[in-house]
Amino acid sequence: MFSAQSQAKAGSFGFLITNGGNHPPEKWSELAVRRVVQVADTAPPPIRDQAHAFREQVRGTFTYYLAQALGAQRRDLADKLEREGMRAAAAFIRNQGD
């Protein structure tokens, strides 16, 4: 997977190379937080500090809910496999989050 971003106003360009998109919730949270909470390095220190503190709160919230969503999806898939008689596959999927 290849992702790129560009911002003409700031004159910056960034890219991300992933290994098949297999990242933990913390990585996806970091990517989301970069898009949602931005503050200029030239912002006054009190505003910049407040934005950084807010960013950390948002990161924690994103991480929590992404982990919850992934766990729910994993449980749903394991339940479906179990209903189809694929107990070993269901057990494998259930244990992936541990």
PDB file of N, CA and C in Angstrom:
ATOM      1  N   MET A   1       0.846  -1.173   0.000  1.00  0.00           N
ATOM      2  CA  MET A   1       0.000   0.000   0.000  1.00  0.00           C
ATOM      3  C   MET A   1       0.888   1.231   0.000  1.00  0.00           C
ATOM      4  N   PHE A   2       0.549   2.180  -0.795  1.00  0.00           N
ATOM      5  CA  PHE A   2       1.300   3.426  -0.882  1.00  0.00           C
ATOM      6  C   PHE A   2       0.330   4.566  -0.665  1.00  0.00           C
ATOM      7  N   SER A   3       0.708   5.498   0.168  1.00  0.00           N
ATOM      8  CA  SER A   3      -0.134   6.646   0.447  1.00  0.00           C
ATOM      9  C   SER A   3       0.728   7.891   0.365  1.00  0.00           C
ATOM     10  N   ALA A   4       0.177   8.948  -0.170  1.00  0.00           N
ATOM     11  CA  ALA A   4       0.922  10.207  -0.257  1.00  0.00           C
ATOM     12  C   ALA A   4       0.008  11.353   0.096  1.00  0.00           C
ATOM     13  N   GLN A   5       0.602  12.383   0.642  1.00  0.00           N
ATOM     14  CA  GLN A   5      -0.174  13.579   0.928  1.00  0.00           C
ATOM     15  C   GLN A   5       0.658  14.786   0.546  1.00  0.00           C
ATOM     16  N   SER A   6      -0.025  15.829   0.151  1.00  0.00           N
ATOM     17  CA  SER A   6       0.658  17.048  -0.231  1.00  0.00           C
ATOM     18  C   SER A   6      -0.167  18.228   0.228  1.00  0.00           C
ATOM     19  N   GLN A   7       0.488  19.242   0.698  1.00  0.00           N
ATOM     20  CA  GLN A   7      -0.186  20.456   1.098  1.00  0.00           C
ATOM     21  C   GLN A   7       0.507  21.625   0.413  1.00  0.00           C
ATOM     22  N   ALA A   8      -0.171  22.241  -0.508  1.00  0.00           N
ATOM     23  CA  ALA A   8       0.431  23.332  -1.260  1.00  0.00           C
ATOM     24  C   ALA A   8       0.686  24.549  -0.382  1.00  0.00           C
ATOM     25  N   LYS A   9      -0.218  24.828   0.550  1.00  0.00           N
ATOM     26  CA  LYS A   9      -0.049  26.007   1.395  1.00  0.00           C
ATOM     27  C   LYS A   9       1.221  25.920   2.223  1.00  0.00           C
ATOM     28  N   ALA A  10       1.430  24.771   2.851  1.00  0.00           N
ATOM     29  CA  ALA A  10       2.572  24.623   3.739  1.00  0.00           C
ATOM     30  C   ALA A  10       3.832  24.263   2.966  1.00  0.00           C
ATOM     31  N   GLY A  11       3.668  23.880   1.706  1.00  0.00           N
ATOM     32  CA  GLY A  11       4.820  23.504   0.910  1.00  0.00           C
ATOM     33  C   GLY A  11       5.439  22.203   1.348  1.00  0.00           C
ATOM     34  N   SER A  12       4.621  21.316   1.942  1.00  0.00           N
ATOM     35  CA  SER A  12       5.175  20.052   2.409  1.00  0.00           C
ATOM     36  C   SER A  12       4.631  18.886   1.610  1.00  0.00           C
ATOM     37  N   PHE A  13       5.395  17.832   1.607  1.00  0.00           N
ATOM     38  CA  PHE A  13       4.985  16.620   0.921  1.00  0.00           C
ATOM     39  C   PHE A  13       5.383  15.450   1.806  1.00  0.00           C
ATOM     40  N   GLY A  14       4.468  14.513   1.973  1.00  0.00           N
ATOM     41  CA  GLY A  14       4.786  13.354   2.793  1.00  0.00           C
ATOM     42  C   GLY A  14       4.274  12.099   2.151  1.00  0.00           C
ATOM     43  N   PHE A  15       4.851  10.973   2.515  1.00  0.00           N
ATOM     44  CA  PHE A  15       4.358   9.709   2.010  1.00  0.00           C
ATOM     45  C   PHE A  15       4.546   8.639   3.073  1.00  0.00           C
ATOM     46  N   LEU A  16       3.808   7.564   2.898  1.00  0.00           N
ATOM     47  CA  LEU A  16       3.835   6.459   3.834  1.00  0.00           C
ATOM     48  C   LEU A  16       3.901   5.175   3.037  1.00  0.00           C
ATOM     49  N   ILE A  17       4.866   4.348   3.340  1.00  0.00           N
ATOM     50  CA  ILE A  17       4.957   3.033   2.722  1.00  0.00           C
ATOM     51  C   ILE A  17       4.604   2.028   3.804  1.00  0.00           C
ATOM     52  N   THR A  18       3.623   1.202   3.524  1.00  0.00           N
ATOM     53  CA  THR A  18       3.183   0.237   4.525  1.00  0.00           C
ATOM     54  C   THR A  18       3.493  -1.176   4.069  1.00  0.00           C
ATOM     55  N   ASN A  19       3.465  -2.072   5.016  1.00  0.00           N
ATOM     56  CA  ASN A  19       3.699  -3.485   4.741  1.00  0.00           C
ATOM     57  C   ASN A  19       2.344  -4.186   4.667  1.00  0.00           C
ATOM     58  N   GLY A  20       1.631  -3.985   3.586  1.00  0.00           N
ATOM     59  CA  GLY A  20       0.345  -4.636   3.407  1.00  0.00           C
ATOM     60  C   GLY A  20      -0.767  -4.052   4.273  1.00  0.00           C
ATOM     61  N   GLY A  21      -0.521  -2.947   4.941  1.00  0.00           N
ATOM     62  CA  GLY A  21      -1.563  -2.327   5.756  1.00  0.00           C
ATOM     63  C   GLY A  21      -1.784  -2.983   7.104  1.00  0.00           C
ATOM     64  N   ASN A  22      -0.907  -3.906   7.489  1.00  0.00           N
ATOM     65  CA  ASN A  22      -1.057  -4.601   8.771  1.00  0.00           C
ATOM     66  C   ASN A  22      -0.414  -3.794   9.887  1.00  0.00           C
ATOM     67  N   HIS A  23      -1.191  -2.901  10.454  1.00  0.00           N
ATOM     68  CA  HIS A  23      -0.684  -2.062  11.532  1.00  0.00           C
ATOM     69  C   HIS A  23      -1.623  -2.163  12.729  1.00  0.00           C
ATOM     70  N   PRO A  24      -1.079  -1.976  13.918  1.00  0.00           N
ATOM     71  CA  PRO A  24      -1.930  -1.977  15.119  1.00  0.00           C
ATOM     72  C   PRO A  24      -2.756  -0.687  15.188  1.00  0.00           C
ATOM     73  N   PRO A  25      -3.770  -0.665  16.039  1.00  0.00           N
ATOM     74  CA  PRO A  25      -4.605   0.537  16.173  1.00  0.00           C
ATOM     75  C   PRO A  25      -3.808   1.802  16.455  1.00  0.00           C
ATOM     76  N   GLU A  26      -2.704   1.677  17.187  1.00  0.00           N
ATOM     77  CA  GLU A  26      -1.894   2.846  17.514  1.00  0.00           C
ATOM     78  C   GLU A  26      -1.342   3.526  16.259  1.00  0.00           C
ATOM     79  N   LYS A  27      -0.944   2.731  15.282  1.00  0.00           N
ATOM     80  CA  LYS A  27      -0.408   3.295  14.044  1.00  0.00           C
ATOM     81  C   LYS A  27      -1.496   4.028  13.270  1.00  0.00           C
ATOM     82  N   TRP A  28      -2.675   3.402  13.147  1.00  0.00           N
ATOM     83  CA  TRP A  28      -3.784   4.046  12.434  1.00  0.00           C
ATOM     84  C   TRP A  28      -4.228   5.303  13.172  1.00  0.00           C
ATOM     85  N   SER A  29      -4.198   5.264  14.499  1.00  0.00           N
ATOM     86  CA  SER A  29      -4.555   6.451  15.286  1.00  0.00           C
ATOM     87  C   SER A  29      -3.603   7.598  14.996  1.00  0.00           C
ATOM     88  N   GLU A  30      -2.320   7.284  14.941  1.00  0.00           N
ATOM     89  CA  GLU A  30      -1.323   8.316  14.645  1.00  0.00           C
ATOM     90  C   GLU A  30      -1.580   8.945  13.289  1.00  0.00           C
ATOM     91  N   LEU A  31      -1.878   8.126  12.286  1.00  0.00           N
ATOM     92  CA  LEU A  31      -2.156   8.653  10.956  1.00  0.00           C
ATOM     93  C   LEU A  31      -3.394   9.549  10.963  1.00  0.00           C
ATOM     94  N   ALA A  32      -4.430   9.138  11.679  1.00  0.00           N
ATOM     95  CA  ALA A  32      -5.662   9.924  11.747  1.00  0.00           C
ATOM     96  C   ALA A  32      -5.431  11.237  12.497  1.00  0.00           C
ATOM     97  N   VAL A  33      -4.707  11.165  13.598  1.00  0.00           N
ATOM     98  CA  VAL A  33      -4.463  12.362  14.409  1.00  0.00           C
ATOM     99  C   VAL A  33      -3.685  13.411  13.617  1.00  0.00           C
ATOM    100  N   ARG A  34      -2.746  12.964  12.806  1.00  0.00           N
ATOM    101  CA  ARG A  34      -1.990  13.919  11.977  1.00  0.00           C
ATOM    102  C   ARG A  34      -2.905  14.697  11.046  1.00  0.00           C
ATOM    103  N   ARG A  35      -3.974  14.043  10.591  1.00  0.00           N
ATOM    104  CA  ARG A  35      -4.913  14.712   9.684  1.00  0.00           C
ATOM    105  C   ARG A  35      -5.913  15.597  10.429  1.00  0.00           C
ATOM    106  N   VAL A  36      -6.283  15.198  11.630  1.00  0.00           N
ATOM    107  CA  VAL A  36      -7.351  15.886  12.361  1.00  0.00           C
ATOM    108  C   VAL A  36      -6.835  17.068  13.170  1.00  0.00           C
ATOM    109  N   VAL A  37      -5.700  16.896  13.834  1.00  0.00           N
ATOM    110  CA  VAL A  37      -5.183  17.941  14.722  1.00  0.00           C
ATOM    111  C   VAL A  37      -3.848  18.428  14.183  1.00  0.00           C
ATOM    112  N   GLN A  38      -3.850  19.636  13.707  1.00  0.00           N
ATOM    113  CA  GLN A  38      -2.623  20.226  13.176  1.00  0.00           C
ATOM    114  C   GLN A  38      -2.409  21.589  13.828  1.00  0.00           C
ATOM    115  N   VAL A  39      -1.154  21.894  14.083  1.00  0.00           N
ATOM    116  CA  VAL A  39      -0.807  23.204  14.634  1.00  0.00           C
ATOM    117  C   VAL A  39       0.549  23.598  14.057  1.00  0.00           C
ATOM    118  N   ALA A  40       0.681  24.851  13.733  1.00  0.00           N
ATOM    119  CA  ALA A  40       1.928  25.352  13.159  1.00  0.00           C
ATOM    120  C   ALA A  40       3.015  25.424  14.219  1.00  0.00           C
ATOM    121  N   ASP A  41       4.231  25.140  13.815  1.00  0.00           N
ATOM    122  CA  ASP A  41       5.363  25.282  14.729  1.00  0.00           C
ATOM    123  C   ASP A  41       5.553  26.730  15.153  1.00  0.00           C
ATOM    124  N   THR A  42       5.026  27.653  14.359  1.00  0.00           N
ATOM    125  CA  THR A  42       5.169  29.072  14.657  1.00  0.00           C
ATOM    126  C   THR A  42       4.026  29.615  15.515  1.00  0.00           C
ATOM    127  N   ALA A  43       3.090  28.752  15.896  1.00  0.00           N
ATOM    128  CA  ALA A  43       1.987  29.190  16.757  1.00  0.00           C
ATOM    129  C   ALA A  43       2.545  29.609  18.121  1.00  0.00           C
ATOM    130  N   PRO A  44       1.866  30.531  18.792  1.00  0.00           N
ATOM    131  CA  PRO A  44       2.321  30.933  20.126  1.00  0.00           C
ATOM    132  C   PRO A  44       2.414  29.702  21.044  1.00  0.00           C
ATOM    133  N   PRO A  45       3.428  29.657  21.901  1.00  0.00           N
ATOM    134  CA  PRO A  45       3.648  28.479  22.749  1.00  0.00           C
ATOM    135  C   PRO A  45       2.404  27.987  23.512  1.00  0.00           C
ATOM    136  N   PRO A  46       1.595  28.859  24.132  1.00  0.00           N
ATOM    137  CA  PRO A  46       0.431  28.330  24.855  1.00  0.00           C
ATOM    138  C   PRO A  46      -0.569  27.615  23.921  1.00  0.00           C
ATOM    139  N   ILE A  47      -0.759  28.165  22.741  1.00  0.00           N
ATOM    140  CA  ILE A  47      -1.679  27.542  21.781  1.00  0.00           C
ATOM    141  C   ILE A  47      -1.087  26.236  21.272  1.00  0.00           C
ATOM    142  N   ARG A  48       0.191  26.251  20.957  1.00  0.00           N
ATOM    143  CA  ARG A  48       0.862  25.041  20.468  1.00  0.00           C
ATOM    144  C   ARG A  48       0.830  23.941  21.523  1.00  0.00           C
ATOM    145  N   ASP A  49       1.098  24.304  22.787  1.00  0.00           N
ATOM    146  CA  ASP A  49       1.080  23.308  23.870  1.00  0.00           C
ATOM    147  C   ASP A  49      -0.314  22.729  24.069  1.00  0.00           C
ATOM    148  N   GLN A  50      -1.321  23.590  23.990  1.00  0.00           N
ATOM    149  CA  GLN A  50      -2.693  23.125  24.142  1.00  0.00           C
ATOM    150  C   GLN A  50      -3.080  22.196  22.982  1.00  0.00           C
ATOM    151  N   ALA A  51      -2.658  22.525  21.781  1.00  0.00           N
ATOM    152  CA  ALA A  51      -2.955  21.681  20.618  1.00  0.00           C
ATOM    153  C   ALA A  51      -2.268  20.321  20.743  1.00  0.00           C
ATOM    154  N   HIS A  52      -1.044  20.308  21.235  1.00  0.00           N
ATOM    155  CA  HIS A  52      -0.335  19.037  21.415  1.00  0.00           C
ATOM    156  C   HIS A  52      -1.007  18.184  22.489  1.00  0.00           C
ATOM    157  N   ALA A  53      -1.464  18.811  23.559  1.00  0.00           N
ATOM    158  CA  ALA A  53      -2.180  18.066  24.605  1.00  0.00           C
ATOM    159  C   ALA A  53      -3.486  17.505  24.053  1.00  0.00           C
ATOM    160  N   PHE A  54      -4.184  18.312  23.278  1.00  0.00           N
ATOM    161  CA  PHE A  54      -5.430  17.855  22.657  1.00  0.00           C
ATOM    162  C   PHE A  54      -5.149  16.694  21.705  1.00  0.00           C
ATOM    163  N   ARG A  55      -4.076  16.802  20.950  1.00  0.00           N
ATOM    164  CA  ARG A  55      -3.690  15.733  20.013  1.00  0.00           C
ATOM    165  C   ARG A  55      -3.519  14.404  20.757  1.00  0.00           C
ATOM    166  N   GLU A  56      -2.884  14.439  21.920  1.00  0.00           N
ATOM    167  CA  GLU A  56      -2.678  13.212  22.698  1.00  0.00           C
ATOM    168  C   GLU A  56      -4.011  12.622  23.179  1.00  0.00           C
ATOM    169  N   GLN A  57      -4.945  13.486  23.574  1.00  0.00           N
ATOM    170  CA  GLN A  57      -6.264  12.998  23.979  1.00  0.00           C
ATOM    171  C   GLN A  57      -7.000  12.370  22.803  1.00  0.00           C
ATOM    172  N   VAL A  58      -6.932  13.005  21.652  1.00  0.00           N
ATOM    173  CA  VAL A  58      -7.585  12.472  20.450  1.00  0.00           C
ATOM    174  C   VAL A  58      -6.940  11.146  20.055  1.00  0.00           C
ATOM    175  N   ARG A  59      -5.621  11.073  20.125  1.00  0.00           N
ATOM    176  CA  ARG A  59      -4.912   9.834  19.783  1.00  0.00           C
ATOM    177  C   ARG A  59      -5.388   8.688  20.682  1.00  0.00           C
ATOM    178  N   GLY A  60      -5.502   8.936  21.971  1.00  0.00           N
ATOM    179  CA  GLY A  60      -5.976   7.905  22.902  1.00  0.00           C
ATOM    180  C   GLY A  60      -7.394   7.463  22.589  1.00  0.00           C
ATOM    181  N   THR A  61      -8.253   8.411  22.264  1.00  0.00           N
ATOM    182  CA  THR A  61      -9.638   8.093  21.922  1.00  0.00           C
ATOM    183  C   THR A  61      -9.706   7.273  20.646  1.00  0.00           C
ATOM    184  N   PHE A  62      -8.978   7.694  19.619  1.00  0.00           N
ATOM    185  CA  PHE A  62      -8.952   6.946  18.358  1.00  0.00           C
ATOM    186  C   PHE A  62      -8.441   5.525  18.586  1.00  0.00           C
ATOM    187  N   THR A  63      -7.346   5.397  19.335  1.00  0.00           N
ATOM    188  CA  THR A  63      -6.762   4.077  19.579  1.00  0.00           C
ATOM    189  C   THR A  63      -7.755   3.163  20.274  1.00  0.00           C
ATOM    190  N   TYR A  64      -8.438   3.681  21.289  1.00  0.00           N
ATOM    191  CA  TYR A  64      -9.409   2.873  22.028  1.00  0.00           C
ATOM    192  C   TYR A  64     -10.516   2.363  21.109  1.00  0.00           C
ATOM    193  N   TYR A  65     -11.117   3.263  20.344  1.00  0.00           N
ATOM    194  CA  TYR A  65     -12.253   2.858  19.503  1.00  0.00           C
ATOM    195  C   TYR A  65     -11.830   2.010  18.305  1.00  0.00           C
ATOM    196  N   LEU A  66     -10.655   2.241  17.759  1.00  0.00           N
ATOM    197  CA  LEU A  66     -10.161   1.370  16.698  1.00  0.00           C
ATOM    198  C   LEU A  66      -9.936  -0.041  17.231  1.00  0.00           C
ATOM    199  N   ALA A  67      -9.360  -0.148  18.417  1.00  0.00           N
ATOM    200  CA  ALA A  67      -9.147  -1.471  19.026  1.00  0.00           C
ATOM    201  C   ALA A  67     -10.488  -2.160  19.289  1.00  0.00           C
ATOM    202  N   GLN A  68     -11.468  -1.399  19.753  1.00  0.00           N
ATOM    203  CA  GLN A  68     -12.807  -1.970  19.989  1.00  0.00           C
ATOM    204  C   GLN A  68     -13.414  -2.468  18.679  1.00  0.00           C
ATOM    205  N   ALA A  69     -13.297  -1.678  17.623  1.00  0.00           N
ATOM    206  CA  ALA A  69     -13.864  -2.059  16.329  1.00  0.00           C
ATOM    207  C   ALA A  69     -13.182  -3.311  15.777  1.00  0.00           C
ATOM    208  N   LEU A  70     -11.863  -3.355  15.867  1.00  0.00           N
ATOM    209  CA  LEU A  70     -11.137  -4.523  15.378  1.00  0.00           C
ATOM    210  C   LEU A  70     -11.492  -5.768  16.173  1.00  0.00           C
ATOM    211  N   GLY A  71     -11.624  -5.625  17.481  1.00  0.00           N
ATOM    212  CA  GLY A  71     -12.016  -6.762  18.319  1.00  0.00           C
ATOM    213  C   GLY A  71     -13.411  -7.257  17.973  1.00  0.00           C
ATOM    214  N   ALA A  72     -14.333  -6.335  17.749  1.00  0.00           N
ATOM    215  CA  ALA A  72     -15.706  -6.716  17.390  1.00  0.00           C
ATOM    216  C   ALA A  72     -15.721  -7.419  16.040  1.00  0.00           C
ATOM    217  N   GLN A  73     -14.954  -6.921  15.105  1.00  0.00           N
ATOM    218  CA  GLN A  73     -14.893  -7.543  13.781  1.00  0.00           C
ATOM    219  C   GLN A  73     -14.295  -8.950  13.881  1.00  0.00           C
ATOM    220  N   ARG A  74     -13.251  -9.096  14.682  1.00  0.00           N
ATOM    221  CA  ARG A  74     -12.615 -10.395  14.870  1.00  0.00           C
ATOM    222  C   ARG A  74     -13.591 -11.386  15.521  1.00  0.00           C
ATOM    223  N   ARG A  75     -14.324 -10.936  16.538  1.00  0.00           N
ATOM    224  CA  ARG A  75     -15.303 -11.811  17.193  1.00  0.00           C
ATOM    225  C   ARG A  75     -16.413 -12.216  16.238  1.00  0.00           C
ATOM    226  N   ASP A  76     -16.869 -11.269  15.420  1.00  0.00           N
ATOM    227  CA  ASP A  76     -17.924 -11.554  14.451  1.00  0.00           C
ATOM    228  C   ASP A  76     -17.457 -12.596  13.436  1.00  0.00           C
ATOM    229  N   LEU A  77     -16.245 -12.424  12.933  1.00  0.00           N
ATOM    230  CA  LEU A  77     -15.701 -13.379  11.973  1.00  0.00           C
ATOM    231  C   LEU A  77     -15.535 -14.758  12.622  1.00  0.00           C
ATOM    232  N   ALA A  78     -15.007 -14.790  13.840  1.00  0.00           N
ATOM    233  CA  ALA A  78     -14.829 -16.067  14.541  1.00  0.00           C
ATOM    234  C   ALA A  78     -16.173 -16.748  14.772  1.00  0.00           C
ATOM    235  N   ASP A  79     -17.196 -15.993  15.136  1.00  0.00           N
ATOM    236  CA  ASP A  79     -18.535 -16.568  15.331  1.00  0.00           C
ATOM    237  C   ASP A  79     -19.065 -17.169  14.036  1.00  0.00           C
ATOM    238  N   LYS A  80     -18.857 -16.482  12.921  1.00  0.00           N
ATOM    239  CA  LYS A  80     -19.316 -16.999  11.627  1.00  0.00           C
ATOM    240  C   LYS A  80     -18.569 -18.274  11.259  1.00  0.00           C
ATOM    241  N   LEU A  81     -17.276 -18.300  11.486  1.00  0.00           N
ATOM    242  CA  LEU A  81     -16.503 -19.510  11.210  1.00  0.00           C
ATOM    243  C   LEU A  81     -16.963 -20.666  12.093  1.00  0.00           C
ATOM    244  N   GLU A  82     -17.231 -20.368  13.341  1.00  0.00           N
ATOM    245  CA  GLU A  82     -17.718 -21.391  14.290  1.00  0.00           C
ATOM    246  C   GLU A  82     -19.047 -21.975  13.809  1.00  0.00           C
ATOM    247  N   ARG A  83     -19.956 -21.115  13.361  1.00  0.00           N
ATOM    248  CA  ARG A  83     -21.263 -21.589  12.867  1.00  0.00           C
ATOM    249  C   ARG A  83     -21.115 -22.470  11.635  1.00  0.00           C
ATOM    250  N   GLU A  84     -20.062 -22.237  10.856  1.00  0.00           N
ATOM    251  CA  GLU A  84     -19.824 -23.030   9.649  1.00  0.00           C
ATOM    252  C   GLU A  84     -19.026 -24.298   9.954  1.00  0.00           C
ATOM    253  N   GLY A  85     -18.750 -24.532  11.231  1.00  0.00           N
ATOM    254  CA  GLY A  85     -18.045 -25.745  11.627  1.00  0.00           C
ATOM    255  C   GLY A  85     -16.536 -25.655  11.547  1.00  0.00           C
ATOM    256  N   MET A  86     -16.011 -24.464  11.374  1.00  0.00           N
ATOM    257  CA  MET A  86     -14.558 -24.279  11.257  1.00  0.00           C
ATOM    258  C   MET A  86     -13.996 -23.827  12.600  1.00  0.00           C
ATOM    259  N   ARG A  87     -14.032 -24.750  13.571  1.00  0.00           N
ATOM    260  CA  ARG A  87     -13.643 -24.411  14.943  1.00  0.00           C
ATOM    261  C   ARG A  87     -12.171 -24.004  15.064  1.00  0.00           C
ATOM    262  N   ALA A  88     -11.290 -24.691  14.355  1.00  0.00           N
ATOM    263  CA  ALA A  88      -9.858 -24.356  14.449  1.00  0.00           C
ATOM    264  C   ALA A  88      -9.595 -22.960  13.903  1.00  0.00           C
ATOM    265  N   ALA A  89     -10.213 -22.638  12.778  1.00  0.00           N
ATOM    266  CA  ALA A  89     -10.037 -21.298  12.201  1.00  0.00           C
ATOM    267  C   ALA A  89     -10.621 -20.239  13.129  1.00  0.00           C
ATOM    268  N   ALA A  90     -11.783 -20.539  13.716  1.00  0.00           N
ATOM    269  CA  ALA A  90     -12.412 -19.595  14.646  1.00  0.00           C
ATOM    270  C   ALA A  90     -11.514 -19.354  15.854  1.00  0.00           C
ATOM    271  N   ALA A  91     -10.921 -20.415  16.391  1.00  0.00           N
ATOM    272  CA  ALA A  91     -10.026 -20.276  17.545  1.00  0.00           C
ATOM    273  C   ALA A  91      -8.799 -19.459  17.168  1.00  0.00           C
ATOM    274  N   PHE A  92      -8.284 -19.680  15.967  1.00  0.00           N
ATOM    275  CA  PHE A  92      -7.120 -18.921  15.502  1.00  0.00           C
ATOM    276  C   PHE A  92      -7.442 -17.439  15.418  1.00  0.00           C
ATOM    277  N   ILE A  93      -8.581 -17.094  14.839  1.00  0.00           N
ATOM    278  CA  ILE A  93      -8.989 -15.687  14.700  1.00  0.00           C
ATOM    279  C   ILE A  93      -9.198 -15.063  16.074  1.00  0.00           C
ATOM    280  N   ARG A  94      -9.845 -15.772  16.968  1.00  0.00           N
ATOM    281  CA  ARG A  94     -10.081 -15.231  18.310  1.00  0.00           C
ATOM    282  C   ARG A  94      -8.782 -14.930  19.047  1.00  0.00           C
ATOM    283  N   ASN A  95      -7.774 -15.735  18.818  1.00  0.00           N
ATOM    284  CA  ASN A  95      -6.503 -15.569  19.538  1.00  0.00           C
ATOM    285  C   ASN A  95      -5.554 -14.568  18.898  1.00  0.00           C
ATOM    286  N   GLN A  96      -5.912 -14.010  17.754  1.00  0.00           N
ATOM    287  CA  GLN A  96      -5.036 -13.052  17.086  1.00  0.00           C
ATOM    288  C   GLN A  96      -4.898 -11.752  17.849  1.00  0.00           C
ATOM    289  N   GLY A  97      -5.884 -11.373  18.633  1.00  0.00           N
ATOM    290  CA  GLY A  97      -5.827 -10.112  19.372  1.00  0.00           C
ATOM    291  C   GLY A  97      -5.106 -10.223  20.693  1.00  0.00           C
ATOM    292  N   ASP A  98      -4.709 -11.410  21.066  1.00  0.00           N
ATOM    293  CA  ASP A  98      -4.057 -11.615  22.368  1.00  0.00           C
ATOM    294  C   ASP A  98      -2.571 -11.437  22.302  1.00  0.00           C
TER     295      ASP A  98
END
